[in-house]
Amino acid sequence: MNSLEIVGLVAIILISCFAIVAIIVSIPLFKLLNKIKYIAENLNESLNPIISNLNKSVEGLNSELGEISAVTSNLNSIVEQMEKVIRLARLLVTNPVIKIVSTSAGLLKAFTKK
């Protein structure tokens, strides 16, 4: 057997060893890929109802926020009306009271000077 045949034999043995190692490594790798595919399919099936429920919850929240906005605008309107009523009451009550007090003070002063 010459050196070329020995090198060829060693090369065939090394290639065979690499092939065996590749087969040994690829079998668990294919199993892992199949498990990942299965998990992804199950995740897709379970996420659809969750996302649908989330979408319904967000729609409900939007409607509630719309109602809160309507209540807030109604309260704003009520507060503005109350401000107007208080301003009117102040004008109607304060001005006559001031006039009565000042008139009374003037009359009292006039009577006490005599």
PDB file of N, CA and C in Angstrom:
ATOM      1  N   MET A   1       0.846  -1.148   0.000  1.00  0.00           N
ATOM      2  CA  MET A   1       0.000   0.000   0.000  1.00  0.00           C
ATOM      3  C   MET A   1       0.906   1.231   0.000  1.00  0.00           C
ATOM      4  N   ASN A   2       0.665   2.104  -0.924  1.00  0.00           N
ATOM      5  CA  ASN A   2       1.518   3.292  -0.996  1.00  0.00           C
ATOM      6  C   ASN A   2       0.890   4.441  -0.203  1.00  0.00           C
ATOM      7  N   SER A   3       1.596   5.539  -0.148  1.00  0.00           N
ATOM      8  CA  SER A   3       1.168   6.662   0.683  1.00  0.00           C
ATOM      9  C   SER A   3      -0.100   7.319   0.151  1.00  0.00           C
ATOM     10  N   LEU A   4      -0.307   7.302  -1.140  1.00  0.00           N
ATOM     11  CA  LEU A   4      -1.507   7.893  -1.727  1.00  0.00           C
ATOM     12  C   LEU A   4      -2.736   7.104  -1.318  1.00  0.00           C
ATOM     13  N   GLU A   5      -2.617   5.812  -1.277  1.00  0.00           N
ATOM     14  CA  GLU A   5      -3.746   4.986  -0.848  1.00  0.00           C
ATOM     15  C   GLU A   5      -4.033   5.188   0.639  1.00  0.00           C
ATOM     16  N   ILE A   6      -2.990   5.346   1.416  1.00  0.00           N
ATOM     17  CA  ILE A   6      -3.180   5.578   2.854  1.00  0.00           C
ATOM     18  C   ILE A   6      -3.882   6.922   3.078  1.00  0.00           C
ATOM     19  N   VAL A   7      -3.450   7.967   2.365  1.00  0.00           N
ATOM     20  CA  VAL A   7      -4.082   9.288   2.485  1.00  0.00           C
ATOM     21  C   VAL A   7      -5.547   9.189   2.056  1.00  0.00           C
ATOM     22  N   GLY A   8      -5.824   8.474   0.985  1.00  0.00           N
ATOM     23  CA  GLY A   8      -7.200   8.296   0.520  1.00  0.00           C
ATOM     24  C   GLY A   8      -8.032   7.565   1.555  1.00  0.00           C
ATOM     25  N   LEU A   9      -7.469   6.516   2.145  1.00  0.00           N
ATOM     26  CA  LEU A   9      -8.185   5.761   3.168  1.00  0.00           C
ATOM     27  C   LEU A   9      -8.477   6.614   4.398  1.00  0.00           C
ATOM     28  N   VAL A  10      -7.489   7.412   4.818  1.00  0.00           N
ATOM     29  CA  VAL A  10      -7.678   8.308   5.972  1.00  0.00           C
ATOM     30  C   VAL A  10      -8.752   9.347   5.647  1.00  0.00           C
ATOM     31  N   ALA A  11      -8.722   9.868   4.421  1.00  0.00           N
ATOM     32  CA  ALA A  11      -9.718  10.859   4.018  1.00  0.00           C
ATOM     33  C   ALA A  11     -11.116  10.254   4.028  1.00  0.00           C
ATOM     34  N   ILE A  12     -11.249   9.022   3.533  1.00  0.00           N
ATOM     35  CA  ILE A  12     -12.556   8.356   3.530  1.00  0.00           C
ATOM     36  C   ILE A  12     -13.031   8.133   4.968  1.00  0.00           C
ATOM     37  N   ILE A  13     -12.116   7.727   5.845  1.00  0.00           N
ATOM     38  CA  ILE A  13     -12.489   7.504   7.248  1.00  0.00           C
ATOM     39  C   ILE A  13     -12.921   8.818   7.903  1.00  0.00           C
ATOM     40  N   LEU A  14     -12.191   9.928   7.655  1.00  0.00           N
ATOM     41  CA  LEU A  14     -12.544  11.227   8.239  1.00  0.00           C
ATOM     42  C   LEU A  14     -13.881  11.735   7.696  1.00  0.00           C
ATOM     43  N   ILE A  15     -14.092  11.585   6.411  1.00  0.00           N
ATOM     44  CA  ILE A  15     -15.371  12.008   5.821  1.00  0.00           C
ATOM     45  C   ILE A  15     -16.506  11.184   6.401  1.00  0.00           C
ATOM     46  N   SER A  16     -16.283   9.901   6.593  1.00  0.00           N
ATOM     47  CA  SER A  16     -17.315   9.044   7.196  1.00  0.00           C
ATOM     48  C   SER A  16     -17.606   9.471   8.631  1.00  0.00           C
ATOM     49  N   CYS A  17     -16.556   9.802   9.393  1.00  0.00           N
ATOM     50  CA  CYS A  17     -16.737  10.263  10.777  1.00  0.00           C
ATOM     51  C   CYS A  17     -17.526  11.573  10.813  1.00  0.00           C
ATOM     52  N   PHE A  18     -17.172  12.503   9.910  1.00  0.00           N
ATOM     53  CA  PHE A  18     -17.909  13.773   9.845  1.00  0.00           C
ATOM     54  C   PHE A  18     -19.367  13.548   9.456  1.00  0.00           C
ATOM     55  N   ALA A  19     -19.609  12.612   8.566  1.00  0.00           N
ATOM     56  CA  ALA A  19     -20.982  12.303   8.162  1.00  0.00           C
ATOM     57  C   ALA A  19     -21.766  11.721   9.326  1.00  0.00           C
ATOM     58  N   ILE A  20     -21.138  10.825  10.088  1.00  0.00           N
ATOM     59  CA  ILE A  20     -21.814  10.232  11.242  1.00  0.00           C
ATOM     60  C   ILE A  20     -22.120  11.312  12.292  1.00  0.00           C
ATOM     61  N   VAL A  21     -21.147  12.187  12.552  1.00  0.00           N
ATOM     62  CA  VAL A  21     -21.352  13.284  13.509  1.00  0.00           C
ATOM     63  C   VAL A  21     -22.464  14.213  13.014  1.00  0.00           C
ATOM     64  N   ALA A  22     -22.481  14.502  11.712  1.00  0.00           N
ATOM     65  CA  ALA A  22     -23.521  15.370  11.149  1.00  0.00           C
ATOM     66  C   ALA A  22     -24.901  14.732  11.294  1.00  0.00           C
ATOM     67  N   ILE A  23     -24.988  13.432  11.090  1.00  0.00           N
ATOM     68  CA  ILE A  23     -26.265  12.735  11.252  1.00  0.00           C
ATOM     69  C   ILE A  23     -26.690  12.768  12.715  1.00  0.00           C
ATOM     70  N   ILE A  24     -25.738  12.519  13.618  1.00  0.00           N
ATOM     71  CA  ILE A  24     -26.048  12.521  15.050  1.00  0.00           C
ATOM     72  C   ILE A  24     -26.527  13.909  15.498  1.00  0.00           C
ATOM     73  N   VAL A  25     -25.911  14.961  14.990  1.00  0.00           N
ATOM     74  CA  VAL A  25     -26.294  16.329  15.363  1.00  0.00           C
ATOM     75  C   VAL A  25     -27.605  16.734  14.686  1.00  0.00           C
ATOM     76  N   SER A  26     -27.824  16.309  13.455  1.00  0.00           N
ATOM     77  CA  SER A  26     -28.998  16.764  12.705  1.00  0.00           C
ATOM     78  C   SER A  26     -30.302  16.145  13.209  1.00  0.00           C
ATOM     79  N   ILE A  27     -30.248  14.941  13.771  1.00  0.00           N
ATOM     80  CA  ILE A  27     -31.484  14.299  14.252  1.00  0.00           C
ATOM     81  C   ILE A  27     -32.107  15.113  15.379  1.00  0.00           C
ATOM     82  N   PRO A  28     -31.389  15.493  16.446  1.00  0.00           N
ATOM     83  CA  PRO A  28     -32.007  16.345  17.467  1.00  0.00           C
ATOM     84  C   PRO A  28     -32.381  17.731  16.935  1.00  0.00           C
ATOM     85  N   LEU A  29     -31.588  18.219  15.973  1.00  0.00           N
ATOM     86  CA  LEU A  29     -31.892  19.524  15.388  1.00  0.00           C
ATOM     87  C   LEU A  29     -33.224  19.492  14.652  1.00  0.00           C
ATOM     88  N   PHE A  30     -33.494  18.432  13.898  1.00  0.00           N
ATOM     89  CA  PHE A  30     -34.782  18.296  13.210  1.00  0.00           C
ATOM     90  C   PHE A  30     -35.924  18.141  14.212  1.00  0.00           C
ATOM     91  N   LYS A  31     -35.674  17.381  15.297  1.00  0.00           N
ATOM     92  CA  LYS A  31     -36.700  17.259  16.344  1.00  0.00           C
ATOM     93  C   LYS A  31     -36.995  18.619  16.962  1.00  0.00           C
ATOM     94  N   LEU A  32     -35.952  19.392  17.223  1.00  0.00           N
ATOM     95  CA  LEU A  32     -36.123  20.722  17.792  1.00  0.00           C
ATOM     96  C   LEU A  32     -36.907  21.623  16.844  1.00  0.00           C
ATOM     97  N   LEU A  33     -36.594  21.567  15.585  1.00  0.00           N
ATOM     98  CA  LEU A  33     -37.314  22.380  14.598  1.00  0.00           C
ATOM     99  C   LEU A  33     -38.790  21.979  14.524  1.00  0.00           C
ATOM    100  N   ASN A  34     -39.069  20.687  14.608  1.00  0.00           N
ATOM    101  CA  ASN A  34     -40.466  20.232  14.593  1.00  0.00           C
ATOM    102  C   ASN A  34     -41.209  20.704  15.845  1.00  0.00           C
ATOM    103  N   LYS A  35     -40.527  20.652  17.001  1.00  0.00           N
ATOM    104  CA  LYS A  35     -41.154  21.138  18.230  1.00  0.00           C
ATOM    105  C   LYS A  35     -41.423  22.634  18.145  1.00  0.00           C
ATOM    106  N   ILE A  36     -40.490  23.389  17.606  1.00  0.00           N
ATOM    107  CA  ILE A  36     -40.676  24.834  17.449  1.00  0.00           C
ATOM    108  C   ILE A  36     -41.850  25.120  16.517  1.00  0.00           C
ATOM    109  N   LYS A  37     -41.953  24.348  15.446  1.00  0.00           N
ATOM    110  CA  LYS A  37     -43.068  24.518  14.514  1.00  0.00           C
ATOM    111  C   LYS A  37     -44.395  24.218  15.214  1.00  0.00           C
ATOM    112  N   TYR A  38     -44.437  23.152  16.004  1.00  0.00           N
ATOM    113  CA  TYR A  38     -45.653  22.783  16.744  1.00  0.00           C
ATOM    114  C   TYR A  38     -46.035  23.873  17.748  1.00  0.00           C
ATOM    115  N   ILE A  39     -45.046  24.372  18.469  1.00  0.00           N
ATOM    116  CA  ILE A  39     -45.307  25.431  19.450  1.00  0.00           C
ATOM    117  C   ILE A  39     -45.803  26.689  18.753  1.00  0.00           C
ATOM    118  N   ALA A  40     -45.220  27.033  17.620  1.00  0.00           N
ATOM    119  CA  ALA A  40     -45.647  28.224  16.884  1.00  0.00           C
ATOM    120  C   ALA A  40     -47.083  28.085  16.400  1.00  0.00           C
ATOM    121  N   GLU A  41     -47.466  26.904  15.941  1.00  0.00           N
ATOM    122  CA  GLU A  41     -48.847  26.687  15.497  1.00  0.00           C
ATOM    123  C   GLU A  41     -49.814  26.795  16.672  1.00  0.00           C
ATOM    124  N   ASN A  42     -49.464  26.178  17.798  1.00  0.00           N
ATOM    125  CA  ASN A  42     -50.320  26.264  18.986  1.00  0.00           C
ATOM    126  C   ASN A  42     -50.400  27.689  19.520  1.00  0.00           C
ATOM    127  N   LEU A  43     -49.288  28.392  19.456  1.00  0.00           N
ATOM    128  CA  LEU A  43     -49.266  29.781  19.904  1.00  0.00           C
ATOM    129  C   LEU A  43     -50.156  30.639  19.018  1.00  0.00           C
ATOM    130  N   ASN A  44     -50.122  30.386  17.744  1.00  0.00           N
ATOM    131  CA  ASN A  44     -50.971  31.120  16.810  1.00  0.00           C
ATOM    132  C   ASN A  44     -52.447  30.862  17.113  1.00  0.00           C
ATOM    133  N   GLU A  45     -52.784  29.605  17.395  1.00  0.00           N
ATOM    134  CA  GLU A  45     -54.174  29.261  17.708  1.00  0.00           C
ATOM    135  C   GLU A  45     -54.620  29.868  19.033  1.00  0.00           C
ATOM    136  N   SER A  46     -53.736  29.943  20.011  1.00  0.00           N
ATOM    137  CA  SER A  46     -54.124  30.479  21.310  1.00  0.00           C
ATOM    138  C   SER A  46     -54.073  32.006  21.344  1.00  0.00           C
ATOM    139  N   LEU A  47     -53.265  32.614  20.496  1.00  0.00           N
ATOM    140  CA  LEU A  47     -53.175  34.070  20.495  1.00  0.00           C
ATOM    141  C   LEU A  47     -54.372  34.727  19.812  1.00  0.00           C
ATOM    142  N   ASN A  48     -54.984  34.051  18.847  1.00  0.00           N
ATOM    143  CA  ASN A  48     -56.120  34.653  18.153  1.00  0.00           C
ATOM    144  C   ASN A  48     -57.262  35.002  19.099  1.00  0.00           C
ATOM    145  N   PRO A  49     -57.715  34.093  19.985  1.00  0.00           N
ATOM    146  CA  PRO A  49     -58.779  34.497  20.921  1.00  0.00           C
ATOM    147  C   PRO A  49     -58.333  35.585  21.897  1.00  0.00           C
ATOM    148  N   ILE A  50     -57.083  35.532  22.316  1.00  0.00           N
ATOM    149  CA  ILE A  50     -56.588  36.537  23.253  1.00  0.00           C
ATOM    150  C   ILE A  50     -56.599  37.917  22.599  1.00  0.00           C
ATOM    151  N   ILE A  51     -56.139  37.976  21.364  1.00  0.00           N
ATOM    152  CA  ILE A  51     -56.118  39.258  20.650  1.00  0.00           C
ATOM    153  C   ILE A  51     -57.535  39.727  20.378  1.00  0.00           C
ATOM    154  N   SER A  52     -58.431  38.814  20.075  1.00  0.00           N
ATOM    155  CA  SER A  52     -59.835  39.178  19.861  1.00  0.00           C
ATOM    156  C   SER A  52     -60.435  39.754  21.143  1.00  0.00           C
ATOM    157  N   ASN A  53     -60.178  39.107  22.280  1.00  0.00           N
ATOM    158  CA  ASN A  53     -60.664  39.618  23.566  1.00  0.00           C
ATOM    159  C   ASN A  53     -60.051  40.976  23.889  1.00  0.00           C
ATOM    160  N   LEU A  54     -58.777  41.131  23.590  1.00  0.00           N
ATOM    161  CA  LEU A  54     -58.109  42.407  23.821  1.00  0.00           C
ATOM    162  C   LEU A  54     -58.734  43.493  22.963  1.00  0.00           C
ATOM    163  N   ASN A  55     -59.055  43.160  21.728  1.00  0.00           N
ATOM    164  CA  ASN A  55     -59.689  44.123  20.827  1.00  0.00           C
ATOM    165  C   ASN A  55     -61.052  44.540  21.371  1.00  0.00           C
ATOM    166  N   LYS A  56     -61.830  43.567  21.867  1.00  0.00           N
ATOM    167  CA  LYS A  56     -63.143  43.888  22.455  1.00  0.00           C
ATOM    168  C   LYS A  56     -62.975  44.756  23.697  1.00  0.00           C
ATOM    169  N   SER A  57     -61.963  44.464  24.506  1.00  0.00           N
ATOM    170  CA  SER A  57     -61.721  45.255  25.710  1.00  0.00           C
ATOM    171  C   SER A  57     -61.355  46.694  25.361  1.00  0.00           C
ATOM    172  N   VAL A  58     -60.543  46.852  24.344  1.00  0.00           N
ATOM    173  CA  VAL A  58     -60.151  48.202  23.920  1.00  0.00           C
ATOM    174  C   VAL A  58     -61.359  48.961  23.371  1.00  0.00           C
ATOM    175  N   GLU A  59     -62.222  48.269  22.625  1.00  0.00           N
ATOM    176  CA  GLU A  59     -63.436  48.918  22.126  1.00  0.00           C
ATOM    177  C   GLU A  59     -64.331  49.346  23.285  1.00  0.00           C
ATOM    178  N   GLY A  60     -64.471  48.477  24.288  1.00  0.00           N
ATOM    179  CA  GLY A  60     -65.255  48.836  25.470  1.00  0.00           C
ATOM    180  C   GLY A  60     -64.656  50.021  26.209  1.00  0.00           C
ATOM    181  N   LEU A  61     -63.342  50.018  26.317  1.00  0.00           N
ATOM    182  CA  LEU A  61     -62.656  51.123  26.978  1.00  0.00           C
ATOM    183  C   LEU A  61     -62.859  52.420  26.214  1.00  0.00           C
ATOM    184  N   ASN A  62     -62.818  52.359  24.894  1.00  0.00           N
ATOM    185  CA  ASN A  62     -63.052  53.551  24.078  1.00  0.00           C
ATOM    186  C   ASN A  62     -64.459  54.086  24.289  1.00  0.00           C
ATOM    187  N   SER A  63     -65.443  53.199  24.361  1.00  0.00           N
ATOM    188  CA  SER A  63     -66.816  53.667  24.581  1.00  0.00           C
ATOM    189  C   SER A  63     -66.952  54.281  25.978  1.00  0.00           C
ATOM    190  N   GLU A  64     -66.302  53.669  26.975  1.00  0.00           N
ATOM    191  CA  GLU A  64     -66.342  54.235  28.324  1.00  0.00           C
ATOM    192  C   GLU A  64     -65.672  55.605  28.360  1.00  0.00           C
ATOM    193  N   LEU A  65     -64.559  55.745  27.649  1.00  0.00           N
ATOM    194  CA  LEU A  65     -63.885  57.041  27.599  1.00  0.00           C
ATOM    195  C   LEU A  65     -64.763  58.084  26.919  1.00  0.00           C
ATOM    196  N   GLY A  66     -65.522  57.656  25.898  1.00  0.00           N
ATOM    197  CA  GLY A  66     -66.458  58.576  25.254  1.00  0.00           C
ATOM    198  C   GLY A  66     -67.530  59.037  26.222  1.00  0.00           C
ATOM    199  N   GLU A  67     -68.035  58.117  27.038  1.00  0.00           N
ATOM    200  CA  GLU A  67     -69.039  58.482  28.032  1.00  0.00           C
ATOM    201  C   GLU A  67     -68.450  59.404  29.097  1.00  0.00           C
ATOM    202  N   ILE A  68     -67.223  59.130  29.509  1.00  0.00           N
ATOM    203  CA  ILE A  68     -66.563  60.001  30.489  1.00  0.00           C
ATOM    204  C   ILE A  68     -66.361  61.388  29.900  1.00  0.00           C
ATOM    205  N   SER A  69     -66.021  61.456  28.631  1.00  0.00           N
ATOM    206  CA  SER A  69     -65.856  62.750  27.973  1.00  0.00           C
ATOM    207  C   SER A  69     -67.174  63.510  27.940  1.00  0.00           C
ATOM    208  N   ALA A  70     -68.271  62.798  27.667  1.00  0.00           N
ATOM    209  CA  ALA A  70     -69.590  63.451  27.663  1.00  0.00           C
ATOM    210  C   ALA A  70     -69.939  63.954  29.054  1.00  0.00           C
ATOM    211  N   VAL A  71     -69.670  63.144  30.086  1.00  0.00           N
ATOM    212  CA  VAL A  71     -69.952  63.570  31.463  1.00  0.00           C
ATOM    213  C   VAL A  71     -69.101  64.787  31.822  1.00  0.00           C
ATOM    214  N   THR A  72     -67.844  64.776  31.417  1.00  0.00           N
ATOM    215  CA  THR A  72     -66.956  65.894  31.714  1.00  0.00           C
ATOM    216  C   THR A  72     -67.443  67.169  31.039  1.00  0.00           C
ATOM    217  N   SER A  73     -67.865  67.073  29.796  1.00  0.00           N
ATOM    218  CA  SER A  73     -68.364  68.268  29.111  1.00  0.00           C
ATOM    219  C   SER A  73     -69.662  68.748  29.756  1.00  0.00           C
ATOM    220  N   ASN A  74     -70.526  67.817  30.207  1.00  0.00           N
ATOM    221  CA  ASN A  74     -71.744  68.220  30.913  1.00  0.00           C
ATOM    222  C   ASN A  74     -71.410  68.920  32.229  1.00  0.00           C
ATOM    223  N   LEU A  75     -70.439  68.379  32.958  1.00  0.00           N
ATOM    224  CA  LEU A  75     -70.016  69.022  34.208  1.00  0.00           C
ATOM    225  C   LEU A  75     -69.432  70.401  33.949  1.00  0.00           C
ATOM    226  N   ASN A  76     -68.684  70.539  32.863  1.00  0.00           N
ATOM    227  CA  ASN A  76     -68.118  71.828  32.500  1.00  0.00           C
ATOM    228  C   ASN A  76     -69.236  72.829  32.229  1.00  0.00           C
ATOM    229  N   SER A  77     -70.253  72.393  31.524  1.00  0.00           N
ATOM    230  CA  SER A  77     -71.402  73.254  31.239  1.00  0.00           C
ATOM    231  C   SER A  77     -72.116  73.643  32.527  1.00  0.00           C
ATOM    232  N   ILE A  78     -72.292  72.685  33.431  1.00  0.00           N
ATOM    233  CA  ILE A  78     -72.954  72.975  34.712  1.00  0.00           C
ATOM    234  C   ILE A  78     -72.137  73.976  35.526  1.00  0.00           C
ATOM    235  N   VAL A  79     -70.829  73.806  35.545  1.00  0.00           N
ATOM    236  CA  VAL A  79     -69.968  74.721  36.296  1.00  0.00           C
ATOM    237  C   VAL A  79     -70.050  76.127  35.709  1.00  0.00           C
ATOM    238  N   GLU A  80     -70.064  76.243  34.396  1.00  0.00           N
ATOM    239  CA  GLU A  80     -70.187  77.552  33.763  1.00  0.00           C
ATOM    240  C   GLU A  80     -71.519  78.203  34.124  1.00  0.00           C
ATOM    241  N   GLN A  81     -72.589  77.415  34.116  1.00  0.00           N
ATOM    242  CA  GLN A  81     -73.901  77.955  34.488  1.00  0.00           C
ATOM    243  C   GLN A  81     -73.905  78.387  35.958  1.00  0.00           C
ATOM    244  N   MET A  82     -73.272  77.597  36.821  1.00  0.00           N
ATOM    245  CA  MET A  82     -73.198  77.961  38.235  1.00  0.00           C
ATOM    246  C   MET A  82     -72.404  79.255  38.423  1.00  0.00           C
ATOM    247  N   GLU A  83     -71.334  79.427  37.659  1.00  0.00           N
ATOM    248  CA  GLU A  83     -70.565  80.672  37.741  1.00  0.00           C
ATOM    249  C   GLU A  83     -71.436  81.865  37.368  1.00  0.00           C
ATOM    250  N   LYS A  84     -72.230  81.708  36.312  1.00  0.00           N
ATOM    251  CA  LYS A  84     -73.130  82.787  35.894  1.00  0.00           C
ATOM    252  C   LYS A  84     -74.169  83.080  36.966  1.00  0.00           C
ATOM    253  N   VAL A  85     -74.738  82.014  37.566  1.00  0.00           N
ATOM    254  CA  VAL A  85     -75.743  82.197  38.616  1.00  0.00           C
ATOM    255  C   VAL A  85     -75.124  82.881  39.829  1.00  0.00           C
ATOM    256  N   ILE A  86     -73.927  82.479  40.214  1.00  0.00           N
ATOM    257  CA  ILE A  86     -73.258  83.096  41.366  1.00  0.00           C
ATOM    258  C   ILE A  86     -72.937  84.555  41.078  1.00  0.00           C
ATOM    259  N   ARG A  87     -72.475  84.856  39.872  1.00  0.00           N
ATOM    260  CA  ARG A  87     -72.185  86.233  39.499  1.00  0.00           C
ATOM    261  C   ARG A  87     -73.462  87.079  39.548  1.00  0.00           C
ATOM    262  N   LEU A  88     -74.561  86.529  39.018  1.00  0.00           N
ATOM    263  CA  LEU A  88     -75.834  87.239  39.042  1.00  0.00           C
ATOM    264  C   LEU A  88     -76.323  87.428  40.479  1.00  0.00           C
ATOM    265  N   ALA A  89     -76.192  86.374  41.284  1.00  0.00           N
ATOM    266  CA  ALA A  89     -76.617  86.489  42.689  1.00  0.00           C
ATOM    267  C   ALA A  89     -75.781  87.526  43.418  1.00  0.00           C
ATOM    268  N   ARG A  90     -74.514  87.578  43.127  1.00  0.00           N
ATOM    269  CA  ARG A  90     -73.647  88.568  43.768  1.00  0.00           C
ATOM    270  C   ARG A  90     -74.086  89.977  43.387  1.00  0.00           C
ATOM    271  N   LEU A  91     -74.400  90.148  42.083  1.00  0.00           N
ATOM    272  CA  LEU A  91     -74.856  91.465  41.643  1.00  0.00           C
ATOM    273  C   LEU A  91     -76.193  91.830  42.271  1.00  0.00           C
ATOM    274  N   LEU A  92     -77.109  90.849  42.317  1.00  0.00           N
ATOM    275  CA  LEU A  92     -78.446  91.126  42.843  1.00  0.00           C
ATOM    276  C   LEU A  92     -78.463  91.314  44.354  1.00  0.00           C
ATOM    277  N   VAL A  93     -77.598  90.622  45.052  1.00  0.00           N
ATOM    278  CA  VAL A  93     -77.601  90.696  46.511  1.00  0.00           C
ATOM    279  C   VAL A  93     -76.612  91.740  47.016  1.00  0.00           C
ATOM    280  N   THR A  94     -75.437  91.777  46.470  1.00  0.00           N
ATOM    281  CA  THR A  94     -74.378  92.627  47.006  1.00  0.00           C
ATOM    282  C   THR A  94     -74.670  94.101  46.769  1.00  0.00           C
ATOM    283  N   ASN A  95     -75.042  94.470  45.548  1.00  0.00           N
ATOM    284  CA  ASN A  95     -75.285  95.889  45.263  1.00  0.00           C
ATOM    285  C   ASN A  95     -76.407  96.465  46.123  1.00  0.00           C
ATOM    286  N   PRO A  96     -77.572  95.815  46.237  1.00  0.00           N
ATOM    287  CA  PRO A  96     -78.602  96.394  47.115  1.00  0.00           C
ATOM    288  C   PRO A  96     -78.185  96.421  48.581  1.00  0.00           C
ATOM    289  N   VAL A  97     -77.472  95.412  49.028  1.00  0.00           N
ATOM    290  CA  VAL A  97     -77.032  95.396  50.424  1.00  0.00           C
ATOM    291  C   VAL A  97     -76.075  96.550  50.674  1.00  0.00           C
ATOM    292  N   ILE A  98     -75.155  96.780  49.754  1.00  0.00           N
ATOM    293  CA  ILE A  98     -74.204  97.885  49.912  1.00  0.00           C
ATOM    294  C   ILE A  98     -74.957  99.216  49.922  1.00  0.00           C
ATOM    295  N   LYS A  99     -75.932  99.348  49.023  1.00  0.00           N
ATOM    296  CA  LYS A  99     -76.707 100.588  48.972  1.00  0.00           C
ATOM    297  C   LYS A  99     -77.505 100.780  50.259  1.00  0.00           C
ATOM    298  N   ILE A 100     -78.107  99.705  50.758  1.00  0.00           N
ATOM    299  CA  ILE A 100     -78.883  99.814  51.992  1.00  0.00           C
ATOM    300  C   ILE A 100     -77.981 100.160  53.158  1.00  0.00           C
ATOM    301  N   VAL A 101     -76.828  99.511  53.245  1.00  0.00           N
ATOM    302  CA  VAL A 101     -75.905  99.780  54.354  1.00  0.00           C
ATOM    303  C   VAL A 101     -75.391 101.207  54.272  1.00  0.00           C
ATOM    304  N   SER A 102     -75.003 101.640  53.072  1.00  0.00           N
ATOM    305  CA  SER A 102     -74.478 103.002  52.954  1.00  0.00           C
ATOM    306  C   SER A 102     -75.567 104.039  53.207  1.00  0.00           C
ATOM    307  N   THR A 103     -76.794 103.767  52.731  1.00  0.00           N
ATOM    308  CA  THR A 103     -77.899 104.678  53.012  1.00  0.00           C
ATOM    309  C   THR A 103     -78.181 104.717  54.502  1.00  0.00           C
ATOM    310  N   SER A 104     -78.176 103.549  55.140  1.00  0.00           N
ATOM    311  CA  SER A 104     -78.413 103.489  56.581  1.00  0.00           C
ATOM    312  C   SER A 104     -77.327 104.237  57.334  1.00  0.00           C
ATOM    313  N   ALA A 105     -76.093 104.055  56.899  1.00  0.00           N
ATOM    314  CA  ALA A 105     -74.983 104.736  57.571  1.00  0.00           C
ATOM    315  C   ALA A 105     -75.112 106.237  57.388  1.00  0.00           C
ATOM    316  N   GLY A 106     -75.493 106.646  56.168  1.00  0.00           N
ATOM    317  CA  GLY A 106     -75.670 108.087  55.929  1.00  0.00           C
ATOM    318  C   GLY A 106     -76.805 108.653  56.747  1.00  0.00           C
ATOM    319  N   LEU A 107     -77.949 107.948  56.794  1.00  0.00           N
ATOM    320  CA  LEU A 107     -79.086 108.426  57.592  1.00  0.00           C
ATOM    321  C   LEU A 107     -78.746 108.448  59.071  1.00  0.00           C
ATOM    322  N   LEU A 108     -78.057 107.404  59.529  1.00  0.00           N
ATOM    323  CA  LEU A 108     -77.668 107.344  60.942  1.00  0.00           C
ATOM    324  C   LEU A 108     -76.746 108.501  61.288  1.00  0.00           C
ATOM    325  N   LYS A 109     -75.847 108.797  60.393  1.00  0.00           N
ATOM    326  CA  LYS A 109     -74.900 109.896  60.617  1.00  0.00           C
ATOM    327  C   LYS A 109     -75.647 111.226  60.611  1.00  0.00           C
ATOM    328  N   ALA A 110     -76.624 111.303  59.679  1.00  0.00           N
ATOM    329  CA  ALA A 110     -77.406 112.546  59.596  1.00  0.00           C
ATOM    330  C   ALA A 110     -78.228 112.741  60.861  1.00  0.00           C
ATOM    331  N   PHE A 111     -78.811 111.702  61.398  1.00  0.00           N
ATOM    332  CA  PHE A 111     -79.641 111.834  62.594  1.00  0.00           C
ATOM    333  C   PHE A 111     -78.799 112.081  63.833  1.00  0.00           C
ATOM    334  N   THR A 112     -77.622 111.512  63.882  1.00  0.00           N
ATOM    335  CA  THR A 112     -76.791 111.693  65.067  1.00  0.00           C
ATOM    336  C   THR A 112     -76.140 113.062  65.106  1.00  0.00           C
ATOM    337  N   LYS A 113     -76.012 113.754  63.989  1.00  0.00           N
ATOM    338  CA  LYS A 113     -75.397 115.077  63.969  1.00  0.00           C
ATOM    339  C   LYS A 113     -76.369 116.124  64.488  1.00  0.00           C
ATOM    340  N   LYS A 114     -77.622 115.914  64.427  1.00  0.00           N
ATOM    341  CA  LYS A 114     -78.603 116.933  64.843  1.00  0.00           C
ATOM    342  C   LYS A 114     -78.698 117.050  66.299  1.00  0.00           C
TER     343      LYS A 114
END
